[in-house]
Full PDB file with SEQRES, HELIX, SHEET, SSBOND, CRYST1, ORIGX, SCALE, CONECT and MASTER records, all heavy atoms in Angstrom:
SEQRES   1 A   35  VAL VAL TYR LEU LYS ASP ILE VAL LYS ASP GLY LEU ARG          
SEQRES   2 A   35  GLU ARG PHE ASP GLU LEU ARG ALA MET GLY ILE ARG THR          
SEQRES   3 A   35  VAL MET ILE THR GLY ASP ASN ALA LEU                          
HELIX    1 AA1 LEU A   12  ALA A   21  1                                  10    
CRYST1    1.000    1.000    1.000  90.00  90.00  90.00 P 1           1          
ORIGX1      1.000000  0.000000  0.000000        0.00000                         
ORIGX2      0.000000  1.000000  0.000000        0.00000                         
ORIGX3      0.000000  0.000000  1.000000        0.00000                         
SCALE1      1.000000  0.000000  0.000000        0.00000                         
SCALE2      0.000000  1.000000  0.000000        0.00000                         
SCALE3      0.000000  0.000000  1.000000        0.00000                         
ATOM      1  N   VAL A   1     103.845 120.000 131.276  1.00  0.00           N  
ATOM      2  CA  VAL A   1     104.103 118.629 131.008  1.00  0.00           C  
ATOM      3  C   VAL A   1     104.685 118.415 129.615  1.00  0.00           C  
ATOM      4  O   VAL A   1     104.243 119.167 128.667  1.00  0.00           O  
ATOM      5  CB  VAL A   1     102.793 117.772 131.057  1.00  0.00           C  
ATOM      6  CG1 VAL A   1     102.959 116.302 130.688  1.00  0.00           C  
ATOM      7  CG2 VAL A   1     102.141 117.856 132.487  1.00  0.00           C  
ATOM      8  N   VAL A   2     105.699 117.635 129.495  1.00  0.00           N  
ATOM      9  CA  VAL A   2     106.234 117.222 128.121  1.00  0.00           C  
ATOM     10  C   VAL A   2     105.559 115.875 127.812  1.00  0.00           C  
ATOM     11  O   VAL A   2     105.660 114.917 128.632  1.00  0.00           O  
ATOM     12  CB  VAL A   2     107.761 117.088 128.142  1.00  0.00           C  
ATOM     13  CG1 VAL A   2     108.233 116.627 126.763  1.00  0.00           C  
ATOM     14  CG2 VAL A   2     108.355 118.400 128.588  1.00  0.00           C  
ATOM     15  N   TYR A   3     104.907 115.823 126.661  1.00  0.00           N  
ATOM     16  CA  TYR A   3     104.246 114.586 126.217  1.00  0.00           C  
ATOM     17  C   TYR A   3     105.242 113.756 125.434  1.00  0.00           C  
ATOM     18  O   TYR A   3     105.638 114.061 124.342  1.00  0.00           O  
ATOM     19  CB  TYR A   3     103.030 114.953 125.354  1.00  0.00           C  
ATOM     20  CG  TYR A   3     102.327 113.883 124.608  1.00  0.00           C  
ATOM     21  CD1 TYR A   3     102.398 112.534 124.990  1.00  0.00           C  
ATOM     22  CD2 TYR A   3     101.363 114.191 123.582  1.00  0.00           C  
ATOM     23  CE1 TYR A   3     101.719 111.604 124.344  1.00  0.00           C  
ATOM     24  CE2 TYR A   3     100.684 113.169 122.936  1.00  0.00           C  
ATOM     25  CZ  TYR A   3     100.865 111.865 123.322  1.00  0.00           C  
ATOM     26  OH  TYR A   3     100.140 110.870 122.705  1.00  0.00           O  
ATOM     27  N   LEU A   4     105.731 112.638 126.103  1.00  0.00           N  
ATOM     28  CA  LEU A   4     106.582 111.692 125.469  1.00  0.00           C  
ATOM     29  C   LEU A   4     105.712 110.525 124.832  1.00  0.00           C  
ATOM     30  O   LEU A   4     104.942 109.909 125.621  1.00  0.00           O  
ATOM     31  CB  LEU A   4     107.625 111.081 126.444  1.00  0.00           C  
ATOM     32  CG  LEU A   4     108.613 112.125 127.024  1.00  0.00           C  
ATOM     33  CD1 LEU A   4     109.530 111.330 128.001  1.00  0.00           C  
ATOM     34  CD2 LEU A   4     109.385 112.781 125.975  1.00  0.00           C  
ATOM     35  N   LYS A   5     105.866 110.290 123.616  1.00  0.00           N  
ATOM     36  CA  LYS A   5     105.041 109.320 122.978  1.00  0.00           C  
ATOM     37  C   LYS A   5     105.763 108.025 122.592  1.00  0.00           C  
ATOM     38  O   LYS A   5     106.777 108.097 122.046  1.00  0.00           O  
ATOM     39  CB  LYS A   5     104.410 109.927 121.743  1.00  0.00           C  
ATOM     40  CG  LYS A   5     103.391 109.022 121.011  1.00  0.00           C  
ATOM     41  CD  LYS A   5     102.749 109.713 119.847  1.00  0.00           C  
ATOM     42  CE  LYS A   5     101.685 108.850 119.197  1.00  0.00           C  
ATOM     43  NZ  LYS A   5     101.081 109.492 118.025  1.00  0.00           N  
ATOM     44  N   ASP A   6     105.110 106.920 122.945  1.00  0.00           N  
ATOM     45  CA  ASP A   6     105.598 105.579 122.467  1.00  0.00           C  
ATOM     46  C   ASP A   6     105.079 105.407 121.136  1.00  0.00           C  
ATOM     47  O   ASP A   6     103.862 105.423 120.910  1.00  0.00           O  
ATOM     48  CB  ASP A   6     105.178 104.519 123.413  1.00  0.00           C  
ATOM     49  CG  ASP A   6     106.034 104.335 124.675  1.00  0.00           C  
ATOM     50  OD1 ASP A   6     107.224 104.237 124.476  1.00  0.00           O  
ATOM     51  OD2 ASP A   6     105.440 104.293 125.710  1.00  0.00           O  
ATOM     52  N   ILE A   7     105.950 105.048 120.189  1.00  0.00           N  
ATOM     53  CA  ILE A   7     105.526 104.875 118.805  1.00  0.00           C  
ATOM     54  C   ILE A   7     105.285 103.377 118.546  1.00  0.00           C  
ATOM     55  O   ILE A   7     106.214 102.586 118.675  1.00  0.00           O  
ATOM     56  CB  ILE A   7     106.573 105.397 117.773  1.00  0.00           C  
ATOM     57  CG1 ILE A   7     107.021 106.819 118.102  1.00  0.00           C  
ATOM     58  CG2 ILE A   7     106.054 105.303 116.358  1.00  0.00           C  
ATOM     59  CD1 ILE A   7     105.754 107.801 118.076  1.00  0.00           C  
ATOM     60  N   VAL A   8     104.035 102.937 118.286  1.00  0.00           N  
ATOM     61  CA  VAL A   8     103.778 101.606 118.025  1.00  0.00           C  
ATOM     62  C   VAL A   8     104.219 101.238 116.602  1.00  0.00           C  
ATOM     63  O   VAL A   8     104.060 101.925 115.640  1.00  0.00           O  
ATOM     64  CB  VAL A   8     102.178 101.384 118.105  1.00  0.00           C  
ATOM     65  CG1 VAL A   8     101.894  99.954 117.698  1.00  0.00           C  
ATOM     66  CG2 VAL A   8     101.723 101.643 119.509  1.00  0.00           C  
ATOM     67  N   LYS A   9     104.865 100.072 116.479  1.00  0.00           N  
ATOM     68  CA  LYS A   9     105.360  99.682 115.217  1.00  0.00           C  
ATOM     69  C   LYS A   9     104.293  99.383 114.162  1.00  0.00           C  
ATOM     70  O   LYS A   9     103.168  98.938 114.543  1.00  0.00           O  
ATOM     71  CB  LYS A   9     106.180  98.303 115.407  1.00  0.00           C  
ATOM     72  CG  LYS A   9     107.418  98.523 116.249  1.00  0.00           C  
ATOM     73  CD  LYS A   9     108.255  97.250 116.305  1.00  0.00           C  
ATOM     74  CE  LYS A   9     109.538  97.542 117.184  1.00  0.00           C  
ATOM     75  NZ  LYS A   9     110.445  96.378 117.253  1.00  0.00           N  
ATOM     76  N   ASP A  10     104.657  99.734 112.941  1.00  0.00           N  
ATOM     77  CA  ASP A  10     103.655  99.731 111.842  1.00  0.00           C  
ATOM     78  C   ASP A  10     103.195  98.304 111.583  1.00  0.00           C  
ATOM     79  O   ASP A  10     103.930  97.250 111.664  1.00  0.00           O  
ATOM     80  CB  ASP A  10     104.299 100.185 110.582  1.00  0.00           C  
ATOM     81  CG  ASP A  10     104.637 101.634 110.727  1.00  0.00           C  
ATOM     82  OD1 ASP A  10     104.059 102.434 111.513  1.00  0.00           O  
ATOM     83  OD2 ASP A  10     105.623 102.111 109.967  1.00  0.00           O  
ATOM     84  N   GLY A  11     101.852  98.183 111.282  1.00  0.00           N  
ATOM     85  CA  GLY A  11     101.235  96.855 110.899  1.00  0.00           C  
ATOM     86  C   GLY A  11     100.988  95.913 111.932  1.00  0.00           C  
ATOM     87  O   GLY A  11     100.618  94.727 111.700  1.00  0.00           O  
ATOM     88  N   LEU A  12     101.127  96.306 113.239  1.00  0.00           N  
ATOM     89  CA  LEU A  12     101.036  95.362 114.352  1.00  0.00           C  
ATOM     90  C   LEU A  12      99.589  94.892 114.453  1.00  0.00           C  
ATOM     91  O   LEU A  12      99.284  93.735 114.700  1.00  0.00           O  
ATOM     92  CB  LEU A  12     101.442  95.963 115.673  1.00  0.00           C  
ATOM     93  CG  LEU A  12     102.909  95.802 116.025  1.00  0.00           C  
ATOM     94  CD1 LEU A  12     103.219  96.361 117.385  1.00  0.00           C  
ATOM     95  CD2 LEU A  12     103.354  94.360 115.924  1.00  0.00           C  
ATOM     96  N   ARG A  13      98.600  95.827 114.316  1.00  0.00           N  
ATOM     97  CA  ARG A  13      97.174  95.449 114.534  1.00  0.00           C  
ATOM     98  C   ARG A  13      96.815  94.310 113.521  1.00  0.00           C  
ATOM     99  O   ARG A  13      96.142  93.333 113.884  1.00  0.00           O  
ATOM    100  CB  ARG A  13      96.294  96.648 114.349  1.00  0.00           C  
ATOM    101  CG  ARG A  13      94.829  96.360 114.490  1.00  0.00           C  
ATOM    102  CD  ARG A  13      93.943  97.633 114.431  1.00  0.00           C  
ATOM    103  NE  ARG A  13      94.036  98.374 115.720  1.00  0.00           N  
ATOM    104  CZ  ARG A  13      93.304  98.054 116.719  1.00  0.00           C  
ATOM    105  NH1 ARG A  13      92.426  97.052 116.754  1.00  0.00           N  
ATOM    106  NH2 ARG A  13      93.472  98.785 117.800  1.00  0.00           N  
ATOM    107  N   GLU A  14      97.177  94.476 112.226  1.00  0.00           N  
ATOM    108  CA  GLU A  14      96.797  93.449 111.268  1.00  0.00           C  
ATOM    109  C   GLU A  14      97.466  92.112 111.616  1.00  0.00           C  
ATOM    110  O   GLU A  14      96.889  91.042 111.448  1.00  0.00           O  
ATOM    111  CB  GLU A  14      97.254  93.877 109.912  1.00  0.00           C  
ATOM    112  CG  GLU A  14      96.512  95.090 109.294  1.00  0.00           C  
ATOM    113  CD  GLU A  14      96.944  96.382 109.977  1.00  0.00           C  
ATOM    114  OE1 GLU A  14      98.070  96.457 110.663  1.00  0.00           O  
ATOM    115  OE2 GLU A  14      96.219  97.455 109.764  1.00  0.00           O  
ATOM    116  N   ARG A  15      98.673  92.184 112.106  1.00  0.00           N  
ATOM    117  CA  ARG A  15      99.456  90.953 112.427  1.00  0.00           C  
ATOM    118  C   ARG A  15      98.843  90.228 113.638  1.00  0.00           C  
ATOM    119  O   ARG A  15      98.764  89.039 113.629  1.00  0.00           O  
ATOM    120  CB  ARG A  15     100.933  91.277 112.701  1.00  0.00           C  
ATOM    121  CG  ARG A  15     101.654  91.926 111.515  1.00  0.00           C  
ATOM    122  CD  ARG A  15     101.977  90.926 110.433  1.00  0.00           C  
ATOM    123  NE  ARG A  15     103.259  90.317 110.670  1.00  0.00           N  
ATOM    124  CZ  ARG A  15     103.745  89.387 109.839  1.00  0.00           C  
ATOM    125  NH1 ARG A  15     103.080  88.881 108.840  1.00  0.00           N  
ATOM    126  NH2 ARG A  15     104.910  88.805 110.155  1.00  0.00           N  
ATOM    127  N   PHE A  16      98.386  91.068 114.556  1.00  0.00           N  
ATOM    128  CA  PHE A  16      97.740  90.471 115.789  1.00  0.00           C  
ATOM    129  C   PHE A  16      96.363  89.875 115.442  1.00  0.00           C  
ATOM    130  O   PHE A  16      95.938  88.885 116.031  1.00  0.00           O  
ATOM    131  CB  PHE A  16      97.546  91.474 116.894  1.00  0.00           C  
ATOM    132  CG  PHE A  16      98.894  91.830 117.539  1.00  0.00           C  
ATOM    133  CD1 PHE A  16      99.160  93.206 118.028  1.00  0.00           C  
ATOM    134  CD2 PHE A  16      99.894  90.930 117.662  1.00  0.00           C  
ATOM    135  CE1 PHE A  16     100.288  93.485 118.633  1.00  0.00           C  
ATOM    136  CE2 PHE A  16     101.104  91.266 118.305  1.00  0.00           C  
ATOM    137  CZ  PHE A  16     101.314  92.582 118.721  1.00  0.00           C  
ATOM    138  N   ASP A  17      95.731  90.398 114.444  1.00  0.00           N  
ATOM    139  CA  ASP A  17      94.462  89.892 113.908  1.00  0.00           C  
ATOM    140  C   ASP A  17      94.761  88.448 113.316  1.00  0.00           C  
ATOM    141  O   ASP A  17      93.976  87.539 113.526  1.00  0.00           O  
ATOM    142  CB  ASP A  17      93.886  90.766 112.790  1.00  0.00           C  
ATOM    143  CG  ASP A  17      93.269  92.013 113.456  1.00  0.00           C  
ATOM    144  OD1 ASP A  17      92.994  92.075 114.611  1.00  0.00           O  
ATOM    145  OD2 ASP A  17      93.062  93.003 112.700  1.00  0.00           O  
ATOM    146  N   GLU A  18      95.884  88.314 112.679  1.00  0.00           N  
ATOM    147  CA  GLU A  18      96.262  87.000 112.118  1.00  0.00           C  
ATOM    148  C   GLU A  18      96.575  86.014 113.222  1.00  0.00           C  
ATOM    149  O   GLU A  18      96.053  84.833 113.149  1.00  0.00           O  
ATOM    150  CB  GLU A  18      97.521  87.129 111.270  1.00  0.00           C  
ATOM    151  CG  GLU A  18      97.396  87.834 109.956  1.00  0.00           C  
ATOM    152  CD  GLU A  18      98.652  87.816 109.131  1.00  0.00           C  
ATOM    153  OE1 GLU A  18      99.234  86.668 109.019  1.00  0.00           O  
ATOM    154  OE2 GLU A  18      99.130  88.884 108.675  1.00  0.00           O  
ATOM    155  N   LEU A  19      97.230  86.427 114.335  1.00  0.00           N  
ATOM    156  CA  LEU A  19      97.463  85.516 115.457  1.00  0.00           C  
ATOM    157  C   LEU A  19      96.102  85.133 116.104  1.00  0.00           C  
ATOM    158  O   LEU A  19      95.895  83.998 116.498  1.00  0.00           O  
ATOM    159  CB  LEU A  19      98.288  86.302 116.515  1.00  0.00           C  
ATOM    160  CG  LEU A  19      99.783  86.416 116.183  1.00  0.00           C  
ATOM    161  CD1 LEU A  19     100.419  87.355 117.157  1.00  0.00           C  
ATOM    162  CD2 LEU A  19     100.434  85.086 116.194  1.00  0.00           C  
ATOM    163  N   ARG A  20      95.229  86.089 116.200  1.00  0.00           N  
ATOM    164  CA  ARG A  20      93.868  85.763 116.700  1.00  0.00           C  
ATOM    165  C   ARG A  20      93.150  84.729 115.876  1.00  0.00           C  
ATOM    166  O   ARG A  20      92.472  83.844 116.445  1.00  0.00           O  
ATOM    167  CB  ARG A  20      93.059  87.021 116.822  1.00  0.00           C  
ATOM    168  CG  ARG A  20      91.871  87.002 117.811  1.00  0.00           C  
ATOM    169  CD  ARG A  20      91.310  88.389 118.062  1.00  0.00           C  
ATOM    170  NE  ARG A  20      92.170  89.261 118.766  1.00  0.00           N  
ATOM    171  CZ  ARG A  20      92.725  90.341 118.160  1.00  0.00           C  
ATOM    172  NH1 ARG A  20      92.485  90.623 116.899  1.00  0.00           N  
ATOM    173  NH2 ARG A  20      93.546  91.123 118.822  1.00  0.00           N  
ATOM    174  N   ALA A  21      93.303  84.774 114.559  1.00  0.00           N  
ATOM    175  CA  ALA A  21      92.720  83.789 113.688  1.00  0.00           C  
ATOM    176  C   ALA A  21      93.305  82.426 113.860  1.00  0.00           C  
ATOM    177  O   ALA A  21      92.707  81.389 113.623  1.00  0.00           O  
ATOM    178  CB  ALA A  21      92.781  84.246 112.228  1.00  0.00           C  
ATOM    179  N   MET A  22      94.598  82.373 114.371  1.00  0.00           N  
ATOM    180  CA  MET A  22      95.243  81.100 114.587  1.00  0.00           C  
ATOM    181  C   MET A  22      94.898  80.574 116.065  1.00  0.00           C  
ATOM    182  O   MET A  22      95.351  79.521 116.433  1.00  0.00           O  
ATOM    183  CB  MET A  22      96.746  81.302 114.649  1.00  0.00           C  
ATOM    184  CG  MET A  22      97.333  81.652 113.243  1.00  0.00           C  
ATOM    185  SD  MET A  22      99.173  81.893 113.362  1.00  0.00           S  
ATOM    186  CE  MET A  22      99.546  82.365 111.695  1.00  0.00           C  
ATOM    187  N   GLY A  23      94.082  81.357 116.775  1.00  0.00           N  
ATOM    188  CA  GLY A  23      93.666  80.887 118.091  1.00  0.00           C  
ATOM    189  C   GLY A  23      94.694  81.295 119.114  1.00  0.00           C  
ATOM    190  O   GLY A  23      94.721  80.659 120.224  1.00  0.00           O  
ATOM    191  N   ILE A  24      95.480  82.263 118.920  1.00  0.00           N  
ATOM    192  CA  ILE A  24      96.489  82.744 119.880  1.00  0.00           C  
ATOM    193  C   ILE A  24      96.100  83.992 120.534  1.00  0.00           C  
ATOM    194  O   ILE A  24      95.723  85.019 119.868  1.00  0.00           O  
ATOM    195  CB  ILE A  24      97.868  82.936 119.104  1.00  0.00           C  
ATOM    196  CG1 ILE A  24      98.348  81.561 118.579  1.00  0.00           C  
ATOM    197  CG2 ILE A  24      98.878  83.463 120.118  1.00  0.00           C  
ATOM    198  CD1 ILE A  24      99.557  81.708 117.716  1.00  0.00           C  
ATOM    199  N   ARG A  25      96.142  84.013 121.864  1.00  0.00           N  
ATOM    200  CA  ARG A  25      95.730  85.220 122.623  1.00  0.00           C  
ATOM    201  C   ARG A  25      96.965  85.992 122.872  1.00  0.00           C  
ATOM    202  O   ARG A  25      98.054  85.506 123.236  1.00  0.00           O  
ATOM    203  CB  ARG A  25      95.134  84.747 124.012  1.00  0.00           C  
ATOM    204  CG  ARG A  25      94.808  85.869 124.947  1.00  0.00           C  
ATOM    205  CD  ARG A  25      93.970  85.311 126.071  1.00  0.00           C  
ATOM    206  NE  ARG A  25      93.933  86.189 127.225  1.00  0.00           N  
ATOM    207  CZ  ARG A  25      94.792  86.065 128.261  1.00  0.00           C  
ATOM    208  NH1 ARG A  25      95.640  85.091 128.289  1.00  0.00           N  
ATOM    209  NH2 ARG A  25      94.684  86.914 129.285  1.00  0.00           N  
ATOM    210  N   THR A  26      96.981  87.356 122.646  1.00  0.00           N  
ATOM    211  CA  THR A  26      98.102  88.150 122.828  1.00  0.00           C  
ATOM    212  C   THR A  26      97.923  89.071 124.112  1.00  0.00           C  
ATOM    213  O   THR A  26      96.910  89.706 124.327  1.00  0.00           O  
ATOM    214  CB  THR A  26      98.354  89.101 121.605  1.00  0.00           C  
ATOM    215  OG1 THR A  26      97.077  89.800 121.308  1.00  0.00           O  
ATOM    216  CG2 THR A  26      98.742  88.333 120.415  1.00  0.00           C  
ATOM    217  N   VAL A  27      99.050  89.114 124.818  1.00  0.00           N  
ATOM    218  CA  VAL A  27      99.069  89.842 126.095  1.00  0.00           C  
ATOM    219  C   VAL A  27     100.261  90.763 126.103  1.00  0.00           C  
ATOM    220  O   VAL A  27     101.432  90.345 125.981  1.00  0.00           O  
ATOM    221  CB  VAL A  27      99.057  88.961 127.372  1.00  0.00           C  
ATOM    222  CG1 VAL A  27      99.078  89.835 128.622  1.00  0.00           C  
ATOM    223  CG2 VAL A  27      97.920  87.950 127.308  1.00  0.00           C  
ATOM    224  N   MET A  28     100.073  92.138 126.216  1.00  0.00           N  
ATOM    225  CA  MET A  28     101.199  93.037 126.360  1.00  0.00           C  
ATOM    226  C   MET A  28     101.593  93.205 127.791  1.00  0.00           C  
ATOM    227  O   MET A  28     100.700  93.324 128.670  1.00  0.00           O  
ATOM    228  CB  MET A  28     100.737  94.391 125.736  1.00  0.00           C  
ATOM    229  CG  MET A  28     101.831  95.424 125.790  1.00  0.00           C  
ATOM    230  SD  MET A  28     101.221  97.030 125.234  1.00  0.00           S  
ATOM    231  CE  MET A  28     100.421  97.638 126.775  1.00  0.00           C  
ATOM    232  N   ILE A  29     102.925  93.194 128.047  1.00  0.00           N  
ATOM    233  CA  ILE A  29     103.471  93.332 129.385  1.00  0.00           C  
ATOM    234  C   ILE A  29     104.225  94.622 129.434  1.00  0.00           C  
ATOM    235  O   ILE A  29     105.149  94.826 128.563  1.00  0.00           O  
ATOM    236  CB  ILE A  29     104.332  92.152 129.790  1.00  0.00           C  
ATOM    237  CG1 ILE A  29     103.502  90.842 129.643  1.00  0.00           C  
ATOM    238  CG2 ILE A  29     104.759  92.286 131.195  1.00  0.00           C  
ATOM    239  CD1 ILE A  29     104.321  89.582 129.984  1.00  0.00           C  
ATOM    240  N   THR A  30     104.057  95.461 130.460  1.00  0.00           N  
ATOM    241  CA  THR A  30     104.734  96.766 130.498  1.00  0.00           C  
ATOM    242  C   THR A  30     104.799  97.158 131.939  1.00  0.00           C  
ATOM    243  O   THR A  30     104.057  96.788 132.839  1.00  0.00           O  
ATOM    244  CB  THR A  30     104.008  97.801 129.684  1.00  0.00           C  
ATOM    245  OG1 THR A  30     104.703  99.012 129.824  1.00  0.00           O  
ATOM    246  CG2 THR A  30     102.631  98.012 130.166  1.00  0.00           C  
ATOM    247  N   GLY A  31     105.860  97.993 132.228  1.00  0.00           N  
ATOM    248  CA  GLY A  31     106.044  98.605 133.505  1.00  0.00           C  
ATOM    249  C   GLY A  31     105.251  99.887 133.586  1.00  0.00           C  
ATOM    250  O   GLY A  31     105.356 100.574 134.703  1.00  0.00           O  
ATOM    251  N   ASP A  32     104.639 100.378 132.567  1.00  0.00           N  
ATOM    252  CA  ASP A  32     103.896 101.605 132.579  1.00  0.00           C  
ATOM    253  C   ASP A  32     102.662 101.479 133.446  1.00  0.00           C  
ATOM    254  O   ASP A  32     102.181 100.395 133.809  1.00  0.00           O  
ATOM    255  CB  ASP A  32     103.484 102.017 131.159  1.00  0.00           C  
ATOM    256  CG  ASP A  32     104.651 102.514 130.377  1.00  0.00           C  
ATOM    257  OD1 ASP A  32     105.709 102.865 130.927  1.00  0.00           O  
ATOM    258  OD2 ASP A  32     104.577 102.403 129.081  1.00  0.00           O  
ATOM    259  N   ASN A  33     102.086 102.601 133.758  1.00  0.00           N  
ATOM    260  CA  ASN A  33     100.836 102.641 134.518  1.00  0.00           C  
ATOM    261  C   ASN A  33      99.679 102.081 133.671  1.00  0.00           C  
ATOM    262  O   ASN A  33      99.792 101.980 132.474  1.00  0.00           O  
ATOM    263  CB  ASN A  33     100.475 104.002 135.018  1.00  0.00           C  
ATOM    264  CG  ASN A  33     100.301 105.059 133.868  1.00  0.00           C  
ATOM    265  OD1 ASN A  33      99.369 104.930 133.063  1.00  0.00           O  
ATOM    266  ND2 ASN A  33     101.154 106.066 133.806  1.00  0.00           N  
ATOM    267  N   ALA A  34      98.532 101.784 134.305  1.00  0.00           N  
ATOM    268  CA  ALA A  34      97.469 101.096 133.672  1.00  0.00           C  
ATOM    269  C   ALA A  34      96.806 101.976 132.533  1.00  0.00           C  
ATOM    270  O   ALA A  34      96.444 101.432 131.477  1.00  0.00           O  
ATOM    271  CB  ALA A  34      96.309 100.751 134.693  1.00  0.00           C  
ATOM    272  N   LEU A  35      96.740 103.284 132.720  1.00  0.00           N  
ATOM    273  CA  LEU A  35      96.198 104.141 131.707  1.00  0.00           C  
ATOM    274  C   LEU A  35      96.979 104.103 130.415  1.00  0.00           C  
ATOM    275  O   LEU A  35      96.468 103.914 129.308  1.00  0.00           O  
ATOM    276  CB  LEU A  35      96.048 105.598 132.221  1.00  0.00           C  
ATOM    277  CG  LEU A  35      94.889 105.789 133.243  1.00  0.00           C  
ATOM    278  CD1 LEU A  35      94.989 107.234 133.743  1.00  0.00           C  
ATOM    279  CD2 LEU A  35      93.575 105.565 132.566  1.00  0.00           C  
TER     280      LEU A  35                                                      
MASTER        0    0    0    1    0    0    0    6  279    1    0    3          
END                                                                             
């Protein structure tokens, strides 16, 4: 198996925490499998 990695953009977790503080729910949409 070749392990292909998706690189998550820097600082996203902190920014999503700010959105949560604003009362905004974040939902990621993808064509990938559930795992």
